[in-house]
């Protein structure tokens, strides 16, 4: 490989850009003002109000409902979009009714 060909190979280009990113990071860190711990400088800004911090525990319950809904809708669109014409279209309508019932069960479940 020639000199420019080696520089354009993906592993070498990755390390060249990684070195450039670290260089920019070091340059920015050197130019930034030093942090002084004064008063409420490190406190969360909430429009001038003092809001005490609280630990919030997020769960994946809502995520799984949304992911299941997303999957059901996309599979339904894929199936309906690829249904051939003819008498088999009645199976597609039955499939749409079943998907609608599944979505209704998912949405109304608490």
Protein backbone atom coordinates (compact mmCIF):
# COMPACT_ATOMS: atom_id res chain seq x y z
CA UNK A 1 0.00 0.00 0.00
CA UNK A 2 1.09 3.52 -0.62
CA UNK A 3 1.42 6.13 2.09
CA UNK A 4 -2.01 7.68 1.47
CA UNK A 5 -3.60 4.23 1.12
CA UNK A 6 -2.45 3.22 4.59
CA UNK A 7 -3.85 6.45 6.06
CA UNK A 8 -7.23 5.75 4.47
CA UNK A 9 -7.53 2.25 5.88
CA UNK A 10 -10.30 2.14 8.52
CA UNK A 11 -8.20 1.09 11.56
CA UNK A 12 -5.52 3.71 10.94
CA UNK A 13 -8.11 6.41 10.20
CA UNK A 14 -9.92 5.51 13.43
CA UNK A 15 -6.80 6.00 15.53
CA UNK A 16 -5.91 9.22 13.70
CA UNK A 17 -9.33 10.69 14.46
CA UNK A 18 -9.23 9.31 18.02
CA UNK A 19 -5.92 11.13 18.57
CA UNK A 20 -7.40 14.31 17.06
CA UNK A 21 -10.42 14.06 19.38
CA UNK A 22 -8.20 13.62 22.45
CA UNK A 23 -6.11 16.58 21.28
CA UNK A 24 -9.20 18.80 20.99
CA UNK A 25 -10.37 17.60 24.41
CA UNK A 26 -7.02 18.45 25.99
CA UNK A 27 -6.96 21.85 24.28
CA UNK A 28 -10.47 22.68 25.54
CA UNK A 29 -9.62 21.48 29.04
CA UNK A 30 -6.55 23.70 29.09
CA UNK A 31 -8.52 26.76 27.93
CA UNK A 32 -11.44 26.28 30.34
CA UNK A 33 -11.50 28.29 33.56
CA UNK A 34 -10.74 26.42 36.75
CA UNK A 35 -13.73 25.40 38.87
CA UNK A 36 -14.20 27.20 42.16
CA UNK A 37 -16.68 25.75 44.63
CA UNK A 38 -18.58 28.89 45.59
CA UNK A 39 -22.08 29.01 47.04
CA UNK A 40 -24.68 27.45 44.84
CA UNK A 41 -22.49 27.25 41.74
CA UNK A 42 -22.84 23.50 41.49
CA UNK A 43 -26.52 23.42 42.53
CA UNK A 44 -29.19 22.50 40.04
CA UNK A 45 -30.84 25.57 38.51
CA UNK A 46 -34.62 25.56 38.86
CA UNK A 47 -35.71 29.13 38.02
CA UNK A 48 -34.34 30.51 41.28
CA UNK A 49 -36.09 28.01 43.53
CA UNK A 50 -34.30 25.75 45.97
CA UNK A 51 -35.50 22.28 45.14
CA UNK A 52 -34.12 19.45 47.24
CA UNK A 53 -32.76 16.54 45.28
CA UNK A 54 -34.65 13.27 45.31
CA UNK A 55 -33.71 9.86 44.02
CA UNK A 56 -35.98 8.68 41.25
CA UNK A 57 -36.14 5.04 40.29
CA UNK A 58 -37.19 4.52 36.70
CA UNK A 59 -38.70 1.24 35.58
CA UNK A 60 -38.99 -0.48 32.23
CA UNK A 61 -42.67 -1.35 32.56
CA UNK A 62 -43.90 1.46 30.29
CA UNK A 63 -41.01 0.86 27.89
CA UNK A 64 -42.07 -2.76 27.35
CA UNK A 65 -45.67 -1.74 26.62
CA UNK A 66 -44.49 0.81 24.06
CA UNK A 67 -42.01 -1.64 22.53
CA UNK A 68 -44.69 -4.32 22.22
CA UNK A 69 -47.11 -1.85 20.64
CA UNK A 70 -44.40 -0.67 18.22
CA UNK A 71 -43.58 -4.26 17.25
CA UNK A 72 -47.22 -5.26 16.77
CA UNK A 73 -47.97 -2.26 14.57
CA UNK A 74 -44.88 -2.69 12.39
CA UNK A 75 -45.44 -6.41 11.90
CA UNK A 76 -49.09 -5.71 11.05
CA UNK A 77 -48.11 -3.12 8.46
CA UNK A 78 -45.54 -5.49 6.98
CA UNK A 79 -48.05 -8.34 6.74
CA UNK A 80 -50.85 -6.21 5.31
CA UNK A 81 -48.50 -4.54 2.81
CA UNK A 82 -47.41 -7.90 1.42
CA UNK A 83 -50.83 -9.59 1.17
CA UNK A 84 -51.55 -10.61 -2.42
CA UNK A 85 -54.84 -9.73 -4.03
CA UNK A 86 -57.63 -12.26 -4.38
CA UNK A 87 -59.75 -14.21 -1.92
CA UNK A 88 -56.93 -14.27 0.63
CA UNK A 89 -57.70 -10.63 1.40
CA UNK A 90 -60.33 -11.88 3.88
CA UNK A 91 -57.56 -13.41 5.97
CA UNK A 92 -55.86 -10.00 5.97
CA UNK A 93 -59.05 -8.40 7.29
CA UNK A 94 -59.28 -11.10 9.98
CA UNK A 95 -55.64 -10.39 10.84
CA UNK A 96 -56.37 -6.66 11.15
CA UNK A 97 -59.27 -7.38 13.50
CA UNK A 98 -57.02 -9.59 15.66
CA UNK A 99 -54.33 -6.88 15.74
CA UNK A 100 -56.95 -4.30 16.74
CA UNK A 101 -58.13 -6.55 19.59
CA UNK A 102 -54.53 -7.11 20.68
CA UNK A 103 -53.80 -3.40 20.71
CA UNK A 104 -57.02 -2.75 22.64
CA UNK A 105 -56.01 -5.38 25.22
CA UNK A 106 -52.56 -3.85 25.49
CA UNK A 107 -53.84 -0.30 25.89
CA UNK A 108 -56.59 -1.10 28.39
CA UNK A 109 -54.34 -3.30 30.55
CA UNK A 110 -53.32 -1.54 33.72
